[in-house]
Amino acid sequence: MKDEYDFTDAEQGKFYRPLEELDIPIYLDKEVKAFFVDKLRAAEHPYSLNEIINSLLKKDIEISSQLMN
């Protein structure tokens, strides 16, 4: 490492992105992933694993919202 660094032309926050804009990975348990992958392979639907999991989560949000009202 250098003893000193020149930050004369530096721009603060140049690479900052709010947390809401970040796509974070979500890791499924092996059993959960295997279940849905097997279902997708057996079905003749053009859905992706991502679409299926997001649909289920949205439905859970909807159900949870109804229960809390």
PDB file of N, CA and C in Angstrom:
ATOM      1  N   MET A   1       0.828  -1.189   0.000  1.00  0.00           N
ATOM      2  CA  MET A   1       0.000   0.000   0.000  1.00  0.00           C
ATOM      3  C   MET A   1       0.866   1.243   0.000  1.00  0.00           C
ATOM      4  N   LYS A   2       0.346   2.251  -0.630  1.00  0.00           N
ATOM      5  CA  LYS A   2       1.052   3.527  -0.628  1.00  0.00           C
ATOM      6  C   LYS A   2       0.846   4.219   0.712  1.00  0.00           C
ATOM      7  N   ASP A   3       1.772   5.093   1.046  1.00  0.00           N
ATOM      8  CA  ASP A   3       1.625   5.885   2.263  1.00  0.00           C
ATOM      9  C   ASP A   3       0.527   6.930   2.092  1.00  0.00           C
ATOM     10  N   GLU A   4       0.363   7.446   0.863  1.00  0.00           N
ATOM     11  CA  GLU A   4      -0.652   8.452   0.583  1.00  0.00           C
ATOM     12  C   GLU A   4      -1.347   8.144  -0.740  1.00  0.00           C
ATOM     13  N   TYR A   5      -2.611   8.526  -0.834  1.00  0.00           N
ATOM     14  CA  TYR A   5      -3.378   8.378  -2.069  1.00  0.00           C
ATOM     15  C   TYR A   5      -3.938   9.731  -2.451  1.00  0.00           C
ATOM     16  N   ASP A   6      -4.013   9.988  -3.745  1.00  0.00           N
ATOM     17  CA  ASP A   6      -4.524  11.267  -4.236  1.00  0.00           C
ATOM     18  C   ASP A   6      -5.994  11.115  -4.600  1.00  0.00           C
ATOM     19  N   PHE A   7      -6.861  11.769  -3.835  1.00  0.00           N
ATOM     20  CA  PHE A   7      -8.300  11.728  -4.075  1.00  0.00           C
ATOM     21  C   PHE A   7      -8.810  13.050  -4.647  1.00  0.00           C
ATOM     22  N   THR A   8      -7.948  13.779  -5.326  1.00  0.00           N
ATOM     23  CA  THR A   8      -8.303  15.098  -5.857  1.00  0.00           C
ATOM     24  C   THR A   8      -9.521  15.040  -6.763  1.00  0.00           C
ATOM     25  N   ASP A   9      -9.556  14.090  -7.683  1.00  0.00           N
ATOM     26  CA  ASP A   9     -10.655  13.993  -8.643  1.00  0.00           C
ATOM     27  C   ASP A   9     -11.706  12.958  -8.239  1.00  0.00           C
ATOM     28  N   ALA A  10     -11.667  12.547  -7.011  1.00  0.00           N
ATOM     29  CA  ALA A  10     -12.608  11.519  -6.550  1.00  0.00           C
ATOM     30  C   ALA A  10     -14.023  12.083  -6.476  1.00  0.00           C
ATOM     31  N   GLU A  11     -14.989  11.207  -6.673  1.00  0.00           N
ATOM     32  CA  GLU A  11     -16.396  11.597  -6.599  1.00  0.00           C
ATOM     33  C   GLU A  11     -17.075  10.744  -5.526  1.00  0.00           C
ATOM     34  N   GLN A  12     -17.527  11.377  -4.474  1.00  0.00           N
ATOM     35  CA  GLN A  12     -18.151  10.653  -3.378  1.00  0.00           C
ATOM     36  C   GLN A  12     -19.500  10.081  -3.801  1.00  0.00           C
ATOM     37  N   GLY A  13     -19.726   8.820  -3.509  1.00  0.00           N
ATOM     38  CA  GLY A  13     -20.996   8.169  -3.793  1.00  0.00           C
ATOM     39  C   GLY A  13     -21.189   7.757  -5.239  1.00  0.00           C
ATOM     40  N   LYS A  14     -20.138   7.740  -6.021  1.00  0.00           N
ATOM     41  CA  LYS A  14     -20.238   7.425  -7.446  1.00  0.00           C
ATOM     42  C   LYS A  14     -20.847   6.045  -7.689  1.00  0.00           C
ATOM     43  N   PHE A  15     -20.514   5.093  -6.876  1.00  0.00           N
ATOM     44  CA  PHE A  15     -20.987   3.728  -7.068  1.00  0.00           C
ATOM     45  C   PHE A  15     -22.065   3.312  -6.071  1.00  0.00           C
ATOM     46  N   TYR A  16     -22.574   4.262  -5.308  1.00  0.00           N
ATOM     47  CA  TYR A  16     -23.608   3.972  -4.308  1.00  0.00           C
ATOM     48  C   TYR A  16     -24.924   3.645  -4.994  1.00  0.00           C
ATOM     49  N   ARG A  17     -25.572   2.587  -4.505  1.00  0.00           N
ATOM     50  CA  ARG A  17     -26.924   2.240  -4.951  1.00  0.00           C
ATOM     51  C   ARG A  17     -27.751   1.944  -3.706  1.00  0.00           C
ATOM     52  N   PRO A  18     -28.944   2.540  -3.608  1.00  0.00           N
ATOM     53  CA  PRO A  18     -29.796   2.247  -2.449  1.00  0.00           C
ATOM     54  C   PRO A  18     -30.138   0.761  -2.394  1.00  0.00           C
ATOM     55  N   LEU A  19     -30.364   0.267  -1.208  1.00  0.00           N
ATOM     56  CA  LEU A  19     -30.655  -1.146  -1.010  1.00  0.00           C
ATOM     57  C   LEU A  19     -31.852  -1.600  -1.836  1.00  0.00           C
ATOM     58  N   GLU A  20     -32.833  -0.724  -2.029  1.00  0.00           N
ATOM     59  CA  GLU A  20     -34.035  -1.086  -2.782  1.00  0.00           C
ATOM     60  C   GLU A  20     -33.731  -1.411  -4.239  1.00  0.00           C
ATOM     61  N   GLU A  21     -32.625  -0.904  -4.761  1.00  0.00           N
ATOM     62  CA  GLU A  21     -32.279  -1.130  -6.158  1.00  0.00           C
ATOM     63  C   GLU A  21     -31.393  -2.351  -6.359  1.00  0.00           C
ATOM     64  N   LEU A  22     -30.925  -2.955  -5.299  1.00  0.00           N
ATOM     65  CA  LEU A  22     -30.031  -4.102  -5.422  1.00  0.00           C
ATOM     66  C   LEU A  22     -30.831  -5.384  -5.576  1.00  0.00           C
ATOM     67  N   ASP A  23     -30.383  -6.235  -6.458  1.00  0.00           N
ATOM     68  CA  ASP A  23     -30.957  -7.570  -6.570  1.00  0.00           C
ATOM     69  C   ASP A  23     -30.092  -8.510  -5.748  1.00  0.00           C
ATOM     70  N   ILE A  24     -30.654  -8.968  -4.651  1.00  0.00           N
ATOM     71  CA  ILE A  24     -29.888  -9.856  -3.786  1.00  0.00           C
ATOM     72  C   ILE A  24     -30.230 -11.306  -4.110  1.00  0.00           C
ATOM     73  N   PRO A  25     -29.262 -12.180  -4.069  1.00  0.00           N
ATOM     74  CA  PRO A  25     -29.561 -13.588  -4.334  1.00  0.00           C
ATOM     75  C   PRO A  25     -30.301 -14.209  -3.155  1.00  0.00           C
ATOM     76  N   ILE A  26     -31.196 -15.100  -3.467  1.00  0.00           N
ATOM     77  CA  ILE A  26     -31.910 -15.838  -2.439  1.00  0.00           C
ATOM     78  C   ILE A  26     -31.631 -17.311  -2.687  1.00  0.00           C
ATOM     79  N   TYR A  27     -31.144 -17.984  -1.683  1.00  0.00           N
ATOM     80  CA  TYR A  27     -30.757 -19.382  -1.829  1.00  0.00           C
ATOM     81  C   TYR A  27     -31.829 -20.288  -1.252  1.00  0.00           C
ATOM     82  N   LEU A  28     -32.270 -21.233  -2.059  1.00  0.00           N
ATOM     83  CA  LEU A  28     -33.276 -22.190  -1.629  1.00  0.00           C
ATOM     84  C   LEU A  28     -32.598 -23.413  -1.043  1.00  0.00           C
ATOM     85  N   ASP A  29     -33.269 -24.044  -0.084  1.00  0.00           N
ATOM     86  CA  ASP A  29     -32.776 -25.323   0.413  1.00  0.00           C
ATOM     87  C   ASP A  29     -32.805 -26.322  -0.737  1.00  0.00           C
ATOM     88  N   LYS A  30     -31.917 -27.299  -0.680  1.00  0.00           N
ATOM     89  CA  LYS A  30     -31.833 -28.290  -1.757  1.00  0.00           C
ATOM     90  C   LYS A  30     -33.162 -28.985  -2.007  1.00  0.00           C
ATOM     91  N   GLU A  31     -33.848 -29.340  -0.911  1.00  0.00           N
ATOM     92  CA  GLU A  31     -35.112 -30.067  -1.047  1.00  0.00           C
ATOM     93  C   GLU A  31     -36.175 -29.204  -1.724  1.00  0.00           C
ATOM     94  N   VAL A  32     -36.217 -27.921  -1.362  1.00  0.00           N
ATOM     95  CA  VAL A  32     -37.204 -27.003  -1.935  1.00  0.00           C
ATOM     96  C   VAL A  32     -36.927 -26.820  -3.425  1.00  0.00           C
ATOM     97  N   LYS A  33     -35.675 -26.573  -3.752  1.00  0.00           N
ATOM     98  CA  LYS A  33     -35.309 -26.379  -5.152  1.00  0.00           C
ATOM     99  C   LYS A  33     -35.601 -27.642  -5.963  1.00  0.00           C
ATOM    100  N   ALA A  34     -35.229 -28.796  -5.431  1.00  0.00           N
ATOM    101  CA  ALA A  34     -35.458 -30.061  -6.138  1.00  0.00           C
ATOM    102  C   ALA A  34     -36.949 -30.287  -6.384  1.00  0.00           C
ATOM    103  N   PHE A  35     -37.784 -29.984  -5.398  1.00  0.00           N
ATOM    104  CA  PHE A  35     -39.229 -30.152  -5.548  1.00  0.00           C
ATOM    105  C   PHE A  35     -39.751 -29.350  -6.730  1.00  0.00           C
ATOM    106  N   PHE A  36     -39.409 -28.063  -6.776  1.00  0.00           N
ATOM    107  CA  PHE A  36     -39.922 -27.201  -7.832  1.00  0.00           C
ATOM    108  C   PHE A  36     -39.297 -27.506  -9.188  1.00  0.00           C
ATOM    109  N   VAL A  37     -38.040 -27.845  -9.216  1.00  0.00           N
ATOM    110  CA  VAL A  37     -37.401 -28.213 -10.487  1.00  0.00           C
ATOM    111  C   VAL A  37     -38.056 -29.467 -11.046  1.00  0.00           C
ATOM    112  N   ASP A  38     -38.330 -30.445 -10.194  1.00  0.00           N
ATOM    113  CA  ASP A  38     -39.012 -31.673 -10.647  1.00  0.00           C
ATOM    114  C   ASP A  38     -40.401 -31.356 -11.188  1.00  0.00           C
ATOM    115  N   LYS A  39     -41.132 -30.479 -10.499  1.00  0.00           N
ATOM    116  CA  LYS A  39     -42.475 -30.093 -10.952  1.00  0.00           C
ATOM    117  C   LYS A  39     -42.409 -29.373 -12.299  1.00  0.00           C
ATOM    118  N   LEU A  40     -41.417 -28.493 -12.463  1.00  0.00           N
ATOM    119  CA  LEU A  40     -41.277 -27.771 -13.715  1.00  0.00           C
ATOM    120  C   LEU A  40     -40.941 -28.697 -14.873  1.00  0.00           C
ATOM    121  N   ARG A  41     -40.111 -29.684 -14.607  1.00  0.00           N
ATOM    122  CA  ARG A  41     -39.742 -30.641 -15.660  1.00  0.00           C
ATOM    123  C   ARG A  41     -40.924 -31.518 -16.057  1.00  0.00           C
ATOM    124  N   ALA A  42     -41.758 -31.850 -15.110  1.00  0.00           N
ATOM    125  CA  ALA A  42     -42.904 -32.717 -15.380  1.00  0.00           C
ATOM    126  C   ALA A  42     -44.032 -31.967 -16.080  1.00  0.00           C
ATOM    127  N   ALA A  43     -44.135 -30.679 -15.834  1.00  0.00           N
ATOM    128  CA  ALA A  43     -45.213 -29.879 -16.430  1.00  0.00           C
ATOM    129  C   ALA A  43     -44.809 -29.413 -17.822  1.00  0.00           C
ATOM    130  N   GLU A  44     -45.810 -29.071 -18.585  1.00  0.00           N
ATOM    131  CA  GLU A  44     -45.539 -28.562 -19.925  1.00  0.00           C
ATOM    132  C   GLU A  44     -45.721 -27.054 -19.979  1.00  0.00           C
ATOM    133  N   HIS A  45     -45.358 -26.387 -18.887  1.00  0.00           N
ATOM    134  CA  HIS A  45     -45.493 -24.940 -18.804  1.00  0.00           C
ATOM    135  C   HIS A  45     -44.126 -24.291 -19.026  1.00  0.00           C
ATOM    136  N   PRO A  46     -44.094 -23.164 -19.702  1.00  0.00           N
ATOM    137  CA  PRO A  46     -42.816 -22.486 -19.974  1.00  0.00           C
ATOM    138  C   PRO A  46     -42.354 -21.567 -18.836  1.00  0.00           C
ATOM    139  N   TYR A  47     -42.676 -21.902 -17.608  1.00  0.00           N
ATOM    140  CA  TYR A  47     -42.311 -21.047 -16.480  1.00  0.00           C
ATOM    141  C   TYR A  47     -40.892 -21.341 -16.016  1.00  0.00           C
ATOM    142  N   SER A  48     -40.278 -20.327 -15.437  1.00  0.00           N
ATOM    143  CA  SER A  48     -38.953 -20.517 -14.844  1.00  0.00           C
ATOM    144  C   SER A  48     -39.096 -20.714 -13.339  1.00  0.00           C
ATOM    145  N   LEU A  49     -38.069 -21.206 -12.723  1.00  0.00           N
ATOM    146  CA  LEU A  49     -38.064 -21.371 -11.266  1.00  0.00           C
ATOM    147  C   LEU A  49     -38.285 -20.022 -10.595  1.00  0.00           C
ATOM    148  N   ASN A  50     -37.671 -18.994 -11.128  1.00  0.00           N
ATOM    149  CA  ASN A  50     -37.825 -17.642 -10.594  1.00  0.00           C
ATOM    150  C   ASN A  50     -39.288 -17.198 -10.616  1.00  0.00           C
ATOM    151  N   GLU A  51     -39.973 -17.424 -11.733  1.00  0.00           N
ATOM    152  CA  GLU A  51     -41.378 -17.025 -11.855  1.00  0.00           C
ATOM    153  C   GLU A  51     -42.266 -17.785 -10.876  1.00  0.00           C
ATOM    154  N   ILE A  52     -42.025 -19.068 -10.716  1.00  0.00           N
ATOM    155  CA  ILE A  52     -42.829 -19.896  -9.812  1.00  0.00           C
ATOM    156  C   ILE A  52     -42.649 -19.434  -8.364  1.00  0.00           C
ATOM    157  N   ILE A  53     -41.408 -19.270  -7.934  1.00  0.00           N
ATOM    158  CA  ILE A  53     -41.137 -18.869  -6.549  1.00  0.00           C
ATOM    159  C   ILE A  53     -41.706 -17.482  -6.277  1.00  0.00           C
ATOM    160  N   ASN A  54     -41.531 -16.546  -7.214  1.00  0.00           N
ATOM    161  CA  ASN A  54     -42.087 -15.201  -7.020  1.00  0.00           C
ATOM    162  C   ASN A  54     -43.607 -15.224  -6.959  1.00  0.00           C
ATOM    163  N   SER A  55     -44.240 -16.031  -7.783  1.00  0.00           N
ATOM    164  CA  SER A  55     -45.709 -16.148  -7.745  1.00  0.00           C
ATOM    165  C   SER A  55     -46.178 -16.668  -6.399  1.00  0.00           C
ATOM    166  N   LEU A  56     -45.512 -17.671  -5.888  1.00  0.00           N
ATOM    167  CA  LEU A  56     -45.880 -18.226  -4.584  1.00  0.00           C
ATOM    168  C   LEU A  56     -45.687 -17.204  -3.470  1.00  0.00           C
ATOM    169  N   LEU A  57     -44.599 -16.478  -3.512  1.00  0.00           N
ATOM    170  CA  LEU A  57     -44.347 -15.467  -2.486  1.00  0.00           C
ATOM    171  C   LEU A  57     -45.376 -14.338  -2.555  1.00  0.00           C
ATOM    172  N   LYS A  58     -45.740 -13.928  -3.755  1.00  0.00           N
ATOM    173  CA  LYS A  58     -46.769 -12.893  -3.899  1.00  0.00           C
ATOM    174  C   LYS A  58     -48.107 -13.373  -3.349  1.00  0.00           C
ATOM    175  N   LYS A  59     -48.438 -14.626  -3.591  1.00  0.00           N
ATOM    176  CA  LYS A  59     -49.688 -15.187  -3.060  1.00  0.00           C
ATOM    177  C   LYS A  59     -49.639 -15.230  -1.534  1.00  0.00           C
ATOM    178  N   ASP A  60     -48.484 -15.606  -0.980  1.00  0.00           N
ATOM    179  CA  ASP A  60     -48.335 -15.615   0.480  1.00  0.00           C
ATOM    180  C   ASP A  60     -48.495 -14.210   1.062  1.00  0.00           C
ATOM    181  N   ILE A  61     -47.963 -13.213   0.379  1.00  0.00           N
ATOM    182  CA  ILE A  61     -48.113 -11.831   0.831  1.00  0.00           C
ATOM    183  C   ILE A  61     -49.585 -11.441   0.827  1.00  0.00           C
ATOM    184  N   GLU A  62     -50.284 -11.818  -0.237  1.00  0.00           N
ATOM    185  CA  GLU A  62     -51.717 -11.517  -0.349  1.00  0.00           C
ATOM    186  C   GLU A  62     -52.511 -12.175   0.780  1.00  0.00           C
ATOM    187  N   ILE A  63     -52.228 -13.436   1.037  1.00  0.00           N
ATOM    188  CA  ILE A  63     -52.921 -14.164   2.105  1.00  0.00           C
ATOM    189  C   ILE A  63     -52.604 -13.542   3.466  1.00  0.00           C
ATOM    190  N   SER A  64     -51.346 -13.235   3.704  1.00  0.00           N
ATOM    191  CA  SER A  64     -50.942 -12.627   4.977  1.00  0.00           C
ATOM    192  C   SER A  64     -51.619 -11.285   5.185  1.00  0.00           C
ATOM    193  N   SER A  65     -51.721 -10.503   4.112  1.00  0.00           N
ATOM    194  CA  SER A  65     -52.376  -9.204   4.207  1.00  0.00           C
ATOM    195  C   SER A  65     -53.843  -9.340   4.569  1.00  0.00           C
ATOM    196  N   GLN A  66     -54.513 -10.334   3.996  1.00  0.00           N
ATOM    197  CA  GLN A  66     -55.932 -10.559   4.298  1.00  0.00           C
ATOM    198  C   GLN A  66     -56.125 -11.006   5.741  1.00  0.00           C
ATOM    199  N   LEU A  67     -55.212 -11.802   6.249  1.00  0.00           N
ATOM    200  CA  LEU A  67     -55.330 -12.294   7.626  1.00  0.00           C
ATOM    201  C   LEU A  67     -55.095 -11.179   8.648  1.00  0.00           C
ATOM    202  N   MET A  68     -54.300 -10.203   8.296  1.00  0.00           N
ATOM    203  CA  MET A  68     -53.967  -9.138   9.238  1.00  0.00           C
ATOM    204  C   MET A  68     -54.973  -7.999   9.209  1.00  0.00           C
ATOM    205  N   ASN A  69     -55.906  -8.008   8.292  1.00  0.00           N
ATOM    206  CA  ASN A  69     -56.920  -6.946   8.240  1.00  0.00           C
ATOM    207  C   ASN A  69     -58.151  -7.308   9.004  1.00  0.00           C
TER     208      ASN A  69
END
